[in-house]
Amino acid sequence: MNTDHVAVARPAALANDSGSRDDVARASSARSVSPMPRQYDRLSDLDREFLSLEVPGAHMHIAGTATFEGGTLRLADGGLDIARIRSFVESRLSRIPRYRQVVAETPFGRPIWLDDPHFNIEYHVRHTSLPRPGNEQQLKALCGRIFSQTLDRSKPLWEVWIVDGVAGSDRFGFISKVHHAMVDGVRSIDLIEALLSTEPATEFEPPAPWIARRRPVAPMLMLDDLRRAWSLPLQLALRIPSVVRQFAEARSDARLALRGLADLAYKTIWRPSETPFNKPIGPHRRFDWLETSIADVKAIRATFAGSLNDVVLATMSGAVRRFLEHRRISPEGLEFRVMAPVSVATRTGRADELGNQVSAWMVPLPIGESDPRRRLEIIQRTTTRLKEEKNALGALLLTKMAGLTPATVVSLAARLPWRGLPFNMVVTNVPGPQQPLHLLGAKMLNYFGTVPITNYLGLGTAIVSYAGGLYWGFNADWDLVPDVDFFAGCVGSSFRELRESAR
């Protein structure tokens, strides 16, 4: 797994959520060992906010597409054995019980996860085919159409599309969608690892019958909500001594979190420059991608030092500069910032550990600098400072504060036309597995991820490292960025420029 991704330790004062982050696997295992099994799980504060942020036109699902070698999954007539694929995927769902749960609400409006008694694998694992010749452009267009559709809240919030007819029928596509309330972008790769295997397989245990936990009655949910509401002041009071002790320490994480929050407030007041990306969006998407090599990244780092994330952000700086010039906008003097999500939890390697444990940096990109080496140097200084100051803790503190507001207020705020975002684009670097993955006997050749976009954020970039490759996915609003393919080309040109400078 890529070690360049930043993991920031959370301060003790911020470690507890008001909404439960109970591990779904723990809830699942409780069914077999506890005489009174828990009937539901609560959404964490951040997961609840991702549900509230989903409005018409702004879909809050993380998605991606992969290409597989399909020879081992072909039937005698040349078609894909979709029944076997569905059975195999269903057999793996015991490792990720959230995939068979739906979002519901308590009588007081608190969102919870409940087992879906009507779960049907055929609804979630779908089968389609590209028309001939099944080329890359057709697959990208299909991804854009699928990513434009909102997930059905009445069912578990995920879909997988198996796409036949890719690249002359010798390959097939694998398009996935998972709601951001279920998993953050960093840990979505854990889901892929849960569904796929590192070694090709021909046999597997058939899926066990699905038995949903019985649903809790309304009075029980009301009592639980009231008990939590009554206990909140006591919990806050018990945490005050610990908070005071932390603030008394000169280099405590609590002080650093407040310093990061002040930096975030400053960047919110002094907004970045508006660009063609930062306008209201519609519901339709365009999707494009680009592939580069981790070996080239290592060559750049061998010359200039820095992390993989530094190379990614320097590449994006050059790409944005080129794209703005293409749109006849001078990058000189513009303030362009990206929001770069970073993990705030140590990865345990457990594929069933779901939920959002992510915060963010606000990184200014030096798009006014024409020298690629100089751009990388500026990025390195910036990210070094953010690491030393633990700047991501400020955004985490803001998340904890927002978690105390009612979900209805958050939902109303999400629907306001807000031009005051402190960044222009989301760029996330996701460390993926470096060994090839397989769906039964079919090898995964690549994986291109997405990040959700919302109003005034018409373009987002997800970079996934996998099996020696660095795969860039570009999710764009259909109308704002009709030339997303040109932007992908700008990223490729910027990366080659940086690579040549290293040589």
Protein backbone atom coordinates (compact mmCIF):
# COMPACT_ATOMS: atom_id res chain seq x y z
CA MET A 1 0.00 0.00 0.00
CA ASN A 2 1.27 3.49 -0.82
CA THR A 3 2.88 5.01 2.25
CA ASP A 4 2.87 8.60 0.99
CA HIS A 5 -0.73 9.16 2.02
CA VAL A 6 -0.83 11.26 5.18
CA ALA A 7 -2.38 9.74 8.30
CA VAL A 8 -3.02 12.34 10.99
CA ALA A 9 -3.53 11.25 14.59
CA ARG A 10 -6.79 12.58 16.04
CA PRO A 11 -6.60 14.46 19.36
CA ALA A 12 -8.22 12.73 22.31
CA ALA A 13 -10.60 15.64 22.81
CA LEU A 14 -11.97 15.13 19.30
CA ALA A 15 -11.94 11.36 19.17
CA ASN A 16 -15.56 10.66 20.17
CA ASP A 17 -18.48 11.22 17.78
CA SER A 18 -21.93 12.17 19.00
CA GLY A 19 -23.19 9.73 16.39
CA SER A 20 -21.93 6.17 16.73
CA ARG A 21 -19.09 4.94 14.53
CA ASP A 22 -19.76 1.38 15.56
CA ASP A 23 -18.00 -1.05 13.34
CA VAL A 24 -20.59 -2.77 11.16
CA ALA A 25 -18.74 -6.03 11.51
CA ARG A 26 -19.04 -5.79 15.27
CA ALA A 27 -22.79 -5.38 14.89
CA SER A 28 -22.87 -8.35 12.55
CA SER A 29 -20.91 -10.62 14.88
CA ALA A 30 -23.12 -9.55 17.79
CA ARG A 31 -25.99 -11.31 16.07
CA SER A 32 -24.39 -14.68 16.71
CA VAL A 33 -23.01 -14.15 20.24
CA SER A 34 -25.38 -11.77 22.02
CA PRO A 35 -28.77 -12.85 23.39
CA MET A 36 -30.10 -9.33 22.67
CA PRO A 37 -28.46 -8.26 19.39
CA ARG A 38 -28.34 -4.62 18.41
CA GLN A 39 -31.06 -3.93 15.86
CA TYR A 40 -29.59 -0.85 14.19
CA ASP A 41 -26.49 1.36 13.84
CA ARG A 42 -26.35 5.14 13.96
CA LEU A 43 -24.72 7.26 11.29
CA SER A 44 -21.75 9.32 12.41
CA ASP A 45 -21.93 13.11 12.24
CA LEU A 46 -19.94 13.30 9.02
CA ASP A 47 -21.85 10.45 7.38
CA ARG A 48 -25.11 12.22 8.23
CA GLU A 49 -23.83 15.42 6.66
CA PHE A 50 -23.08 13.63 3.40
CA LEU A 51 -26.73 12.56 3.25
CA SER A 52 -27.86 16.13 3.92
CA LEU A 53 -25.53 17.55 1.26
CA GLU A 54 -27.17 15.48 -1.48
CA VAL A 55 -29.56 17.75 -3.36
CA PRO A 56 -30.93 17.59 -6.93
CA GLY A 57 -27.95 17.91 -9.24
CA ALA A 58 -25.33 17.20 -6.55
CA HIS A 59 -24.90 13.44 -6.12
CA MET A 60 -22.97 12.35 -3.04
CA HIS A 61 -21.74 8.99 -4.30
CA ILE A 62 -18.15 7.89 -4.77
CA ALA A 63 -17.76 5.95 -8.00
CA GLY A 64 -15.19 4.37 -10.24
CA THR A 65 -14.64 2.15 -13.21
CA ALA A 66 -12.24 -0.72 -13.81
CA THR A 67 -11.40 -2.97 -16.74
CA PHE A 68 -10.95 -6.73 -16.37
CA GLU A 69 -9.65 -9.54 -18.53
CA GLY A 70 -12.79 -11.53 -19.20
CA GLY A 71 -11.63 -14.84 -20.67
CA THR A 72 -12.15 -16.97 -17.57
CA LEU A 73 -15.71 -15.71 -17.04
CA ARG A 74 -16.99 -16.37 -20.56
CA LEU A 75 -19.75 -18.84 -21.35
CA ALA A 76 -19.68 -21.16 -24.35
CA ASP A 77 -21.65 -18.60 -26.40
CA GLY A 78 -19.07 -15.86 -25.59
CA GLY A 79 -21.22 -13.94 -23.12
CA LEU A 80 -20.27 -13.17 -19.53
CA ASP A 81 -21.45 -15.55 -16.81
CA ILE A 82 -23.34 -12.83 -14.92
CA ALA A 83 -25.13 -15.33 -12.64
CA ARG A 84 -21.78 -16.62 -11.37
CA ILE A 85 -20.48 -13.08 -10.90
CA ARG A 86 -23.57 -12.11 -8.88
CA SER A 87 -23.28 -15.22 -6.73
CA PHE A 88 -19.62 -14.53 -6.05
CA VAL A 89 -20.21 -10.87 -5.11
CA GLU A 90 -23.06 -11.89 -2.80
CA SER A 91 -20.83 -14.46 -1.12
CA ARG A 92 -18.44 -11.64 -0.13
CA LEU A 93 -21.08 -9.36 1.39
CA SER A 94 -20.77 -11.00 4.80
CA ARG A 95 -17.47 -9.09 5.07
CA ILE A 96 -19.22 -5.74 4.51
CA PRO A 97 -22.67 -5.94 6.14
CA ARG A 98 -23.35 -2.26 5.40
CA TYR A 99 -23.98 -3.31 1.79
CA ARG A 100 -27.25 -4.92 2.92
CA GLN A 101 -28.49 -2.05 5.04
CA VAL A 102 -30.71 0.94 4.24
CA VAL A 103 -30.98 4.43 5.70
CA ALA A 104 -33.99 5.07 7.91
CA GLU A 105 -34.91 7.70 10.52
CA THR A 106 -35.90 7.61 14.16
CA PRO A 107 -39.13 9.40 15.14
CA PHE A 108 -36.97 12.42 16.01
CA GLY A 109 -35.33 12.44 12.57
CA ARG A 110 -31.95 10.90 13.43
CA PRO A 111 -30.67 8.73 10.54
CA ILE A 112 -29.84 5.10 11.29
CA TRP A 113 -28.79 1.97 9.39
CA LEU A 114 -31.30 -0.89 9.28
CA ASP A 115 -30.96 -4.32 7.67
CA ASP A 116 -32.83 -4.54 4.37
CA PRO A 117 -35.22 -7.51 4.53
CA HIS A 118 -35.85 -7.24 0.77
CA PHE A 119 -32.22 -7.23 -0.37
CA ASN A 120 -31.89 -8.49 -3.96
CA ILE A 121 -28.44 -8.97 -5.49
CA GLU A 122 -29.84 -8.63 -9.03
CA TYR A 123 -30.81 -5.03 -8.33
CA HIS A 124 -27.31 -4.10 -7.15
CA VAL A 125 -25.17 -6.10 -9.60
CA ARG A 126 -26.40 -5.08 -13.04
CA HIS A 127 -25.47 -6.29 -16.51
CA THR A 128 -25.19 -4.20 -19.67
CA SER A 129 -23.14 -4.11 -22.88
CA LEU A 130 -21.45 -1.53 -25.09
CA PRO A 131 -22.32 -1.37 -28.79
CA ARG A 132 -19.53 -2.21 -31.18
CA PRO A 133 -16.68 -1.44 -31.27
CA GLY A 134 -16.80 -1.06 -27.45
CA ASN A 135 -14.00 1.48 -27.33
CA GLU A 136 -12.73 3.63 -24.46
CA GLN A 137 -14.79 6.67 -25.46
CA GLN A 138 -18.01 4.62 -25.29
CA LEU A 139 -17.10 3.31 -21.84
CA LYS A 140 -16.38 6.84 -20.61
CA ALA A 141 -19.76 8.02 -21.93
CA LEU A 142 -21.53 5.16 -20.14
CA CYS A 143 -19.72 6.06 -16.90
CA GLY A 144 -20.92 9.65 -17.24
CA ARG A 145 -24.54 8.53 -17.64
CA ILE A 146 -24.37 6.13 -14.67
CA PHE A 147 -22.64 8.68 -12.45
CA SER A 148 -25.43 11.18 -13.29
CA GLN A 149 -28.06 9.01 -11.58
CA THR A 150 -28.86 9.35 -7.88
CA LEU A 151 -28.79 6.22 -5.72
CA ASP A 152 -32.20 5.07 -4.47
CA ARG A 153 -32.47 5.89 -0.74
CA SER A 154 -34.98 3.06 -0.20
CA LYS A 155 -32.32 0.46 -0.99
CA PRO A 156 -28.71 -0.17 0.11
CA LEU A 157 -26.69 2.72 -1.30
CA TRP A 158 -24.46 0.97 -3.83
CA GLU A 159 -24.49 -0.40 -7.38
CA VAL A 160 -22.12 -2.40 -9.57
CA TRP A 161 -22.50 -2.47 -13.35
CA ILE A 162 -20.86 -5.32 -15.28
CA VAL A 163 -20.22 -4.02 -18.81
CA ASP A 164 -19.76 -6.53 -21.60
CA GLY A 165 -18.32 -5.79 -25.04
CA VAL A 166 -15.33 -3.70 -23.92
CA ALA A 167 -12.31 -3.59 -26.25
CA GLY A 168 -13.58 -6.07 -28.81
CA SER A 169 -15.26 -8.42 -26.27
CA ASP A 170 -12.03 -9.72 -24.73
CA ARG A 171 -12.49 -7.50 -21.67
CA PHE A 172 -15.33 -6.26 -19.52
CA GLY A 173 -15.96 -3.15 -17.46
CA PHE A 174 -16.76 -2.92 -13.76
CA ILE A 175 -18.51 0.35 -12.78
CA SER A 176 -19.24 0.89 -9.08
CA LYS A 177 -21.13 3.50 -7.06
CA VAL A 178 -21.16 3.81 -3.25
CA HIS A 179 -22.76 6.66 -1.32
CA HIS A 180 -20.31 8.90 0.53
CA ALA A 181 -22.34 8.32 3.72
CA MET A 182 -21.19 4.70 3.66
CA VAL A 183 -17.49 5.19 3.12
CA ASP A 184 -14.95 7.93 2.42
CA GLY A 185 -12.78 8.04 -0.68
CA VAL A 186 -9.69 6.76 1.12
CA ARG A 187 -11.41 3.66 2.45
CA SER A 188 -13.48 2.92 -0.67
CA ILE A 189 -10.48 0.96 -1.90
CA ASP A 190 -10.99 -1.32 1.12
CA LEU A 191 -14.39 -2.16 -0.35
CA ILE A 192 -12.86 -3.09 -3.68
CA GLU A 193 -10.42 -5.33 -1.82
CA ALA A 194 -13.33 -6.93 0.05
CA LEU A 195 -15.22 -7.69 -3.14
CA LEU A 196 -12.15 -8.85 -5.08
CA SER A 197 -9.27 -11.19 -4.24
CA THR A 198 -5.51 -11.06 -4.67
CA GLU A 199 -5.36 -14.51 -6.24
CA PRO A 200 -7.48 -15.86 -9.10
CA ALA A 201 -10.15 -18.26 -7.86
CA THR A 202 -12.33 -20.82 -9.56
CA GLU A 203 -14.38 -22.02 -6.58
CA PHE A 204 -16.06 -20.16 -3.73
CA GLU A 205 -18.47 -20.84 -0.93
CA PRO A 206 -22.05 -20.12 -2.01
CA PRO A 207 -23.66 -17.14 -0.27
CA ALA A 208 -25.41 -17.92 2.99
CA PRO A 209 -29.12 -17.10 3.24
CA TRP A 210 -29.66 -13.49 4.24
CA ILE A 211 -31.60 -13.04 7.50
CA ALA A 212 -32.21 -9.40 8.36
CA ARG A 213 -32.30 -8.29 11.99
CA ARG A 214 -35.82 -7.38 13.06
CA ARG A 215 -36.56 -3.68 12.97
CA PRO A 216 -36.77 -1.73 16.23
CA VAL A 217 -40.14 -0.35 17.31
CA ALA A 218 -40.69 3.41 17.38
CA PRO A 219 -40.90 3.74 21.20
CA MET A 220 -37.49 2.07 21.54
CA LEU A 221 -35.96 4.49 19.03
CA MET A 222 -37.53 7.47 20.79
CA LEU A 223 -36.19 6.36 24.15
CA ASP A 224 -32.73 5.85 22.70
CA ASP A 225 -32.77 9.35 21.16
CA LEU A 226 -33.91 10.89 24.45
CA ARG A 227 -31.29 8.98 26.40
CA ARG A 228 -28.57 10.23 24.06
CA ALA A 229 -29.88 13.81 24.27
CA TRP A 230 -29.93 13.70 28.07
CA SER A 231 -26.45 12.19 28.27
CA LEU A 232 -24.82 14.72 25.91
CA PRO A 233 -24.36 17.50 28.53
CA LEU A 234 -22.84 14.97 30.92
CA GLN A 235 -20.48 13.68 28.21
CA LEU A 236 -19.39 17.24 27.43
CA ALA A 237 -18.85 17.99 31.11
CA LEU A 238 -16.74 14.86 31.58
CA ARG A 239 -14.58 15.87 28.61
CA ILE A 240 -13.90 19.42 29.88
CA PRO A 241 -10.95 18.46 32.17
CA SER A 242 -9.27 16.58 29.34
CA VAL A 243 -9.78 19.51 26.96
CA VAL A 244 -8.39 21.97 29.52
CA ARG A 245 -5.31 19.79 30.03
CA GLN A 246 -4.72 19.63 26.29
CA PHE A 247 -4.99 23.39 25.82
CA ALA A 248 -2.54 23.86 28.71
CA GLU A 249 0.13 22.00 26.74
CA ALA A 250 2.12 24.24 24.42
CA ARG A 251 2.20 21.75 21.51
CA SER A 252 -1.04 19.90 22.12
CA ASP A 253 -3.17 18.62 19.26
CA ALA A 254 -6.07 20.68 20.60
CA ARG A 255 -4.12 23.92 20.14
CA LEU A 256 -3.00 22.82 16.72
CA ALA A 257 -6.62 22.05 15.81
CA LEU A 258 -7.67 25.59 16.79
CA ARG A 259 -4.75 27.01 14.81
CA GLY A 260 -5.84 24.96 11.80
CA LEU A 261 -9.42 26.16 12.28
CA ALA A 262 -8.21 29.78 12.31
CA ASP A 263 -6.30 29.15 9.08
CA LEU A 264 -9.44 27.65 7.53
CA ALA A 265 -11.50 30.67 8.66
CA TYR A 266 -8.94 33.01 7.08
CA LYS A 267 -9.10 31.13 3.79
CA THR A 268 -12.91 31.23 3.90
CA ILE A 269 -12.91 35.01 4.38
CA TRP A 270 -10.29 35.52 1.66
CA ARG A 271 -11.94 33.47 -1.03
CA PRO A 272 -9.98 32.09 -3.98
CA SER A 273 -10.41 33.48 -7.47
CA GLU A 274 -13.41 32.33 -9.48
CA THR A 275 -12.63 30.10 -12.46
CA PRO A 276 -14.72 28.34 -15.14
CA PHE A 277 -15.10 25.40 -12.72
CA ASN A 278 -16.75 27.47 -10.00
CA LYS A 279 -20.32 28.03 -11.13
CA PRO A 280 -23.68 26.34 -10.45
CA ILE A 281 -23.84 22.79 -11.78
CA GLY A 282 -26.54 20.56 -13.25
CA PRO A 283 -27.30 16.85 -12.73
CA HIS A 284 -25.38 15.48 -15.72
CA ARG A 285 -21.75 14.34 -15.72
CA ARG A 286 -18.82 13.80 -18.03
CA PHE A 287 -16.10 11.37 -17.03
CA ASP A 288 -12.58 11.05 -18.37
CA TRP A 289 -9.36 9.46 -17.23
CA LEU A 290 -5.61 9.26 -17.61
CA GLU A 291 -2.99 6.66 -16.72
CA THR A 292 0.58 7.38 -15.57
CA SER A 293 3.28 5.26 -13.97
CA ILE A 294 4.33 5.16 -10.32
CA ALA A 295 7.86 4.41 -11.57
CA ASP A 296 7.88 7.88 -13.16
CA VAL A 297 6.70 9.40 -9.88
CA LYS A 298 9.53 7.65 -8.06
CA ALA A 299 11.99 9.03 -10.62
CA ILE A 300 10.70 12.55 -9.98
CA ARG A 301 10.97 12.05 -6.23
CA ALA A 302 14.50 10.67 -6.58
CA THR A 303 15.51 13.99 -8.14
CA PHE A 304 13.40 16.51 -6.24
CA ALA A 305 12.39 14.60 -3.04
CA GLY A 306 8.91 15.19 -1.64
CA SER A 307 5.96 12.79 -1.49
CA LEU A 308 3.71 11.24 -4.10
CA ASN A 309 1.04 13.72 -3.03
CA ASP A 310 3.47 16.59 -3.72
CA VAL A 311 4.04 15.30 -7.25
CA VAL A 312 0.27 15.00 -7.79
CA LEU A 313 -0.40 18.57 -6.62
CA ALA A 314 2.49 19.98 -8.66
CA THR A 315 1.12 18.17 -11.71
CA MET A 316 -2.34 19.62 -11.06
CA SER A 317 -0.82 23.10 -10.78
CA GLY A 318 0.64 22.85 -14.26
CA ALA A 319 -2.56 21.32 -15.64
CA VAL A 320 -4.81 24.07 -14.27
CA ARG A 321 -2.41 26.68 -15.65
CA ARG A 322 -2.56 25.11 -19.14
CA PHE A 323 -6.34 24.72 -19.03
CA LEU A 324 -6.99 28.32 -18.01
CA GLU A 325 -4.75 29.53 -20.82
CA HIS A 326 -6.75 27.29 -23.18
CA ARG A 327 -9.89 29.08 -21.92
CA ARG A 328 -8.13 32.43 -22.57
CA ILE A 329 -7.77 33.23 -18.86
CA SER A 330 -4.41 34.40 -17.55
CA PRO A 331 -3.33 32.37 -14.49
CA GLU A 332 -1.05 35.18 -13.31
CA GLY A 333 -2.18 36.61 -9.99
CA LEU A 334 -5.01 34.11 -9.48
CA GLU A 335 -5.54 32.43 -6.10
CA PHE A 336 -6.43 28.80 -6.84
CA ARG A 337 -6.87 26.33 -3.97
CA VAL A 338 -7.66 22.64 -3.85
CA MET A 339 -9.21 20.70 -1.03
CA ALA A 340 -7.06 17.59 -0.53
CA PRO A 341 -8.73 15.00 1.75
CA VAL A 342 -6.38 13.27 4.19
CA SER A 343 -7.03 10.31 6.47
CA VAL A 344 -7.32 11.02 10.19
CA ALA A 345 -7.35 7.38 11.25
CA THR A 346 -4.68 4.70 11.17
CA ARG A 347 -5.58 2.06 8.61
CA THR A 348 -6.11 -1.30 10.29
CA GLY A 349 -6.39 -3.37 7.13
CA ARG A 350 -9.88 -4.53 8.12
CA ALA A 351 -12.12 -4.49 5.07
CA ASP A 352 -15.28 -4.27 7.17
CA GLU A 353 -14.30 -1.06 8.96
CA LEU A 354 -16.54 1.45 7.21
CA GLY A 355 -17.56 5.05 7.85
CA ASN A 356 -15.89 8.38 7.15
CA GLN A 357 -12.60 9.03 8.97
CA VAL A 358 -11.25 11.79 6.79
CA SER A 359 -10.39 15.47 7.10
CA ALA A 360 -8.86 17.92 4.64
CA TRP A 361 -6.12 20.34 3.73
CA MET A 362 -6.72 23.58 1.81
CA VAL A 363 -3.70 23.82 -0.48
CA PRO A 364 -2.98 26.86 -2.70
CA LEU A 365 -1.61 25.77 -6.07
CA PRO A 366 1.14 27.90 -7.67
CA ILE A 367 -0.61 28.12 -11.06
CA GLY A 368 1.09 31.44 -11.79
CA GLU A 369 4.53 29.76 -11.80
CA SER A 370 5.67 28.59 -15.25
CA ASP A 371 8.67 26.49 -14.11
CA PRO A 372 7.59 22.91 -13.19
CA ARG A 373 10.50 22.46 -10.78
CA ARG A 374 9.65 25.70 -9.02
CA ARG A 375 5.99 24.62 -8.75
CA LEU A 376 7.04 21.39 -7.03
CA GLU A 377 9.33 23.24 -4.60
CA ILE A 378 6.47 25.56 -3.58
CA ILE A 379 4.11 22.61 -3.09
CA GLN A 380 6.71 20.79 -0.95
CA ARG A 381 7.14 23.77 1.35
CA THR A 382 3.37 24.14 1.70
CA THR A 383 2.62 20.49 2.51
CA THR A 384 5.56 20.31 4.92
CA ARG A 385 4.12 23.23 6.84
CA LEU A 386 0.64 21.67 6.85
CA LYS A 387 2.04 18.39 8.20
CA GLU A 388 4.05 20.09 10.93
CA GLU A 389 1.08 22.22 12.01
CA LYS A 390 -1.35 19.28 11.70
CA ASN A 391 -3.55 21.62 9.72
CA ALA A 392 -6.11 18.91 8.92
CA LEU A 393 -7.15 18.89 12.57
CA GLY A 394 -8.80 22.28 12.08
CA ALA A 395 -11.20 20.90 9.49
CA LEU A 396 -11.80 17.90 11.76
CA LEU A 397 -12.69 20.23 14.65
CA LEU A 398 -15.13 22.07 12.39
CA THR A 399 -16.72 18.72 11.48
CA LYS A 400 -17.17 17.89 15.16
CA MET A 401 -18.78 21.28 15.79
CA ALA A 402 -21.07 20.86 12.79
CA GLY A 403 -22.05 17.45 14.09
CA LEU A 404 -23.82 19.15 17.02
CA THR A 405 -26.23 21.00 14.70
CA PRO A 406 -29.55 19.36 13.79
CA ALA A 407 -29.55 17.45 10.52
CA THR A 408 -32.39 19.65 9.25
CA VAL A 409 -30.28 22.80 9.66
CA VAL A 410 -27.36 21.17 7.86
CA SER A 411 -29.70 20.06 5.09
CA LEU A 412 -31.14 23.56 4.66
CA ALA A 413 -27.66 25.09 4.61
CA ALA A 414 -26.61 22.62 1.92
CA ARG A 415 -29.39 23.86 -0.34
CA LEU A 416 -28.32 27.50 -0.24
CA PRO A 417 -26.48 28.83 -3.33
CA TRP A 418 -23.11 29.40 -1.66
CA ARG A 419 -20.26 31.10 -3.48
CA GLY A 420 -18.10 31.30 -0.38
CA LEU A 421 -16.27 27.98 -0.71
CA PRO A 422 -12.64 28.34 0.38
CA PHE A 423 -11.35 26.16 -2.50
CA ASN A 424 -11.81 25.73 -6.26
CA MET A 425 -11.48 21.98 -6.69
CA VAL A 426 -11.24 18.68 -4.81
CA VAL A 427 -8.13 16.58 -5.53
CA THR A 428 -7.86 13.30 -3.64
CA ASN A 429 -4.99 10.83 -3.77
CA VAL A 430 -6.10 7.32 -2.75
CA PRO A 431 -3.46 4.66 -2.03
CA GLY A 432 -4.66 1.40 -3.56
CA PRO A 433 -3.33 -2.15 -3.54
CA GLN A 434 -0.07 -2.68 -5.39
CA GLN A 435 -0.73 -6.34 -6.15
CA PRO A 436 -3.19 -7.24 -8.94
CA LEU A 437 -6.76 -8.00 -7.87
CA HIS A 438 -9.12 -10.55 -9.42
CA LEU A 439 -12.82 -11.10 -9.78
CA LEU A 440 -12.78 -14.89 -9.61
CA GLY A 441 -10.26 -15.68 -12.37
CA ALA A 442 -10.48 -12.28 -14.11
CA LYS A 443 -7.59 -9.90 -13.50
CA MET A 444 -8.28 -6.20 -12.87
CA LEU A 445 -6.20 -4.12 -15.25
CA ASN A 446 -6.93 -0.59 -14.00
CA TYR A 447 -9.18 1.43 -11.71
CA PHE A 448 -10.29 5.06 -12.19
CA GLY A 449 -12.07 6.70 -9.26
CA THR A 450 -14.27 9.77 -8.87
CA VAL A 451 -15.07 12.36 -6.25
CA PRO A 452 -18.54 13.94 -5.95
CA ILE A 453 -18.96 17.45 -7.31
CA THR A 454 -21.39 20.07 -6.06
CA ASN A 455 -22.44 23.64 -6.75
CA TYR A 456 -19.48 25.88 -7.60
CA LEU A 457 -17.23 22.81 -7.78
CA GLY A 458 -17.75 21.68 -11.36
CA LEU A 459 -14.64 19.47 -11.63
CA GLY A 460 -13.10 16.97 -9.22
CA THR A 461 -10.07 14.70 -9.55
CA ALA A 462 -9.43 11.32 -7.90
CA ILE A 463 -6.05 9.61 -8.23
CA VAL A 464 -5.77 5.92 -7.35
CA SER A 465 -2.48 4.01 -7.19
CA TYR A 466 -2.82 0.37 -8.21
CA ALA A 467 -0.36 -2.33 -9.29
CA GLY A 468 2.37 0.08 -10.40
CA GLY A 469 0.03 2.54 -12.10
CA LEU A 470 -1.34 5.93 -11.13
CA TYR A 471 -4.91 6.27 -12.41
CA TRP A 472 -6.49 9.73 -12.68
CA GLY A 473 -10.29 10.07 -12.85
CA PHE A 474 -11.94 13.39 -13.76
CA ASN A 475 -15.59 13.92 -12.81
CA ALA A 476 -17.07 17.04 -14.40
CA ASP A 477 -20.35 18.85 -14.88
CA TRP A 478 -21.70 18.23 -18.38
CA ASP A 479 -22.17 21.91 -19.26
CA LEU A 480 -19.43 23.64 -17.27
CA VAL A 481 -16.58 21.43 -18.50
CA PRO A 482 -17.50 20.01 -21.92
CA ASP A 483 -13.76 19.90 -22.64
CA VAL A 484 -12.89 17.62 -19.70
CA ASP A 485 -10.94 15.47 -22.17
CA PHE A 486 -8.72 18.48 -22.86
CA PHE A 487 -8.18 18.94 -19.13
CA ALA A 488 -7.11 15.29 -18.89
CA GLY A 489 -4.63 16.02 -21.67
CA CYS A 490 -3.34 19.04 -19.71
CA VAL A 491 -2.68 16.78 -16.73
CA GLY A 492 -0.75 14.37 -18.96
CA SER A 493 1.31 17.20 -20.45
CA SER A 494 2.06 18.67 -17.02
CA PHE A 495 3.17 15.27 -15.69
CA ARG A 496 5.47 14.68 -18.69
CA GLU A 497 6.94 18.16 -18.23
CA LEU A 498 7.76 17.38 -14.60
CA ARG A 499 9.19 13.99 -15.55
CA GLU A 500 11.42 15.52 -18.20
CA SER A 501 12.66 18.11 -15.70
CA ALA A 502 13.67 15.27 -13.40
CA ARG A 503 15.66 13.65 -16.20
